[in-house]
């Protein structure tokens, strides 16, 4: 017989902790939303995330790889019209 260790049980919050939390079940059921985080800092975080993603895409496309589509049948039978290639730069 194999004996597995039992993980410790998480401590339960007291009634006062549950009533002060912003994401309680009763507030979600009543349609009240949780307190929103500060607007300008949240907006700035989203802008930074988009800018980093765009910069990463442009660096990859410029220096590493780029996708090309075969436009004509000049390479048949090796490559067919409409095939896509990733070109290592």
Protein backbone atom coordinates (compact mmCIF):
# COMPACT_ATOMS: atom_id res chain seq x y z
CA UNK A 1 0.00 0.00 0.00
CA UNK A 2 1.32 3.46 -0.94
CA UNK A 3 1.00 6.31 1.55
CA UNK A 4 0.86 9.80 0.08
CA UNK A 5 1.45 12.90 2.18
CA UNK A 6 -1.65 14.97 2.85
CA UNK A 7 -1.25 18.70 2.13
CA UNK A 8 -2.08 21.06 5.01
CA UNK A 9 -5.54 22.58 4.99
CA UNK A 10 -5.61 26.28 4.14
CA UNK A 11 -6.76 28.50 6.98
CA UNK A 12 -10.23 29.94 6.63
CA UNK A 13 -10.87 33.67 6.76
CA UNK A 14 -12.79 35.03 9.67
CA UNK A 15 -16.20 36.63 9.14
CA UNK A 16 -14.73 40.13 9.45
CA UNK A 17 -12.12 39.37 6.74
CA UNK A 18 -14.80 38.09 4.37
CA UNK A 19 -17.05 41.11 4.86
CA UNK A 20 -14.28 43.58 4.01
CA UNK A 21 -13.06 41.85 0.86
CA UNK A 22 -14.09 43.59 -2.39
CA UNK A 23 -14.69 40.37 -4.30
CA UNK A 24 -17.20 38.69 -1.98
CA UNK A 25 -19.79 36.40 -3.47
CA UNK A 26 -22.69 38.52 -2.25
CA UNK A 27 -21.33 41.66 -3.90
CA UNK A 28 -20.74 39.77 -7.16
CA UNK A 29 -24.27 38.34 -7.10
CA UNK A 30 -25.83 41.72 -6.45
CA UNK A 31 -24.14 43.17 -9.54
CA UNK A 32 -21.66 45.34 -7.69
CA UNK A 33 -18.27 45.23 -9.26
CA UNK A 34 -14.99 45.01 -7.44
CA UNK A 35 -13.17 48.30 -6.88
CA UNK A 36 -11.39 49.30 -10.08
CA UNK A 37 -7.67 49.85 -10.01
CA UNK A 38 -6.41 53.32 -10.71
CA UNK A 39 -7.20 54.32 -14.28
CA UNK A 40 -4.07 56.11 -15.52
CA UNK A 41 -1.59 53.54 -14.22
CA UNK A 42 -3.68 50.68 -15.61
CA UNK A 43 -3.86 52.43 -18.99
CA UNK A 44 -0.11 53.02 -18.96
CA UNK A 45 0.53 49.32 -18.21
CA UNK A 46 -1.63 48.33 -21.18
CA UNK A 47 0.15 50.80 -23.49
CA UNK A 48 3.55 49.48 -22.39
CA UNK A 49 2.46 45.89 -23.03
CA UNK A 50 1.27 46.72 -26.55
CA UNK A 51 4.45 48.69 -27.35
CA UNK A 52 6.70 45.86 -26.15
CA UNK A 53 4.73 43.37 -28.26
CA UNK A 54 4.95 45.54 -31.38
CA UNK A 55 8.68 46.13 -30.84
CA UNK A 56 9.28 42.39 -30.42
CA UNK A 57 7.35 41.67 -33.64
CA UNK A 58 9.27 44.29 -35.62
CA UNK A 59 12.67 43.09 -34.38
CA UNK A 60 11.81 39.48 -35.25
CA UNK A 61 10.53 40.40 -38.69
CA UNK A 62 13.46 42.69 -39.46
CA UNK A 63 16.38 40.62 -38.21
CA UNK A 64 15.32 36.99 -37.70
CA UNK A 65 12.53 35.60 -39.89
CA UNK A 66 9.88 36.74 -42.33
CA UNK A 67 7.00 34.92 -43.98
CA UNK A 68 6.74 34.89 -47.77
CA UNK A 69 3.99 33.45 -49.99
CA UNK A 70 4.88 31.75 -53.29
CA UNK A 71 3.06 33.92 -55.88
CA UNK A 72 3.58 31.90 -59.06
CA UNK A 73 4.18 28.37 -60.31
CA UNK A 74 7.85 28.90 -61.13
CA UNK A 75 8.99 26.46 -58.42
CA UNK A 76 6.55 23.62 -59.14
CA UNK A 77 6.83 20.67 -58.20
CA UNK A 78 8.99 21.58 -55.18
CA UNK A 79 6.86 24.49 -53.99
CA UNK A 80 3.25 25.03 -54.96
CA UNK A 81 1.43 28.30 -55.64
CA UNK A 82 0.18 29.76 -52.35
CA UNK A 83 2.68 27.93 -50.12
CA UNK A 84 4.15 29.94 -47.24
CA UNK A 85 7.85 29.98 -46.33
CA UNK A 86 9.60 31.30 -43.25
CA UNK A 87 12.83 32.85 -44.46
CA UNK A 88 15.82 32.96 -42.12
CA UNK A 89 17.46 36.34 -42.52
